[in-house]
Structures are given as structure tokens and as C-alpha cells.
Amino acid sequence: MAVTVEACNSKKSPAFCRLVEDIRAVVRREPNAQRIGDAVAELLKPHLGSDDFLPCDELAPATCDYCQHILHVEPDGSFSIVALVWLPGQSTPIHDHVSWCVVGVHKGHELETVYNVNGRDADAHLRVASEQLNPSGTVACCIPPGDVHRVANGGDGVAVSLHIYGADIGVLGSSIRRRYEMEVRA
């Protein structure tokens, strides 16, 4: 089932509505995924940590797993904005993405582990390429292929990150293209 959210409704802050309009302009004029990601990351940065950017119900966690709140799906499906809310100990599986993705830490801390895929077939495995604790205000851009990572709440309180994807998350349900359930070697 497709989910569409109006860009500006009574729940959305004026700053959120401006962000949607600015992202729309970038996506319409720029064909290159890396340049889109870089531009969208710069647009997102000033909003991170702002208490009036999102209403409280879009910051609510779930107890069993991290919670996804779809904030906006562009009517033509060209991008989506999602809030992921994490309680301590919650994390994603190791995964990559269906499209370019910009992640901004809005509240708390996120621990991101980036992996390289090594070997082939039966010997395929993962190696940790980097691990970084990202505080509020941190922005990262993931461009497939090769954007394999795992994200977790890196603190002892609630963490919230804003994700902007170059895909219709309302239709797809998730930005995850593939889960990597192979051995992680030192």
C-alpha cells in the first residue's frame, strides 16, 4: 500500500516544509546521486537538534525494535523523509540501500559501523572498515553500491535520526536493499 504525506499540513513545521521544498528543487535539477546527497546533507544540517522541527508524536520510540516514522513521501516517489527513533540497545541489521541516502542525527548518539564485503561465494565475508559514534548534528551520505553498514543507538537515552532517501519508502516500506548475514572477520 502506498503512503503519501502532504508536504505541508497542520502537523508540519514551517522549517520542515521549507526543507521539503529545497530537497524537491535539488532532486529536480541534479541527476547525479553523489551531488544530490551532498546538497541534501547541507540542507538538513541546520535543522538537526531543533526542538520545534518535528512534533512529539514523530519522535516516539517503539519498545520491540527501532521505530520508523514516515514524515514525507514526494508525490512522484523521487524522495522520502523518515525519522528513525531508537531506544538504547536497538540497531539495524547490517545492510545496504536501494538509493542514495542522507542520515542526520537529530537527537542523541548513533553508532555507525561500516563494512567492506570481501571474498566471493562460499568465502564471502565482512570486515569492519570503520566505526564512529555520531552525536546530534552529524550528517552522513550513503551512495550505493558499497554502502554496507549497521546503525545502532550509541548512547543511554533515546536517539532520533532523520533519513532522506531517493526512493518512495511509502511503497517500499524500507530503504534496505539487502541484509548481510555473513561472517564478520577481524
Foldseek 3Di string as FASTA:
>chain_A
DFDFDDLDDPQADPLSSVLVVQLVVLLVPDPDQVVSQVSNLVSCLVQAQDPPGGDPVLQDADDPAWDKDWDGAPPVFQKTKIKTKAAAPHKDFWFAFPAKKKKAWRAAKKKKWAWFWDDDDPPTEIETPDIDIGHTSDMDMAGDDRRTMMMHRPDRGMIMMMMMGRGRCSVVVDGGPDGDPHHYDD
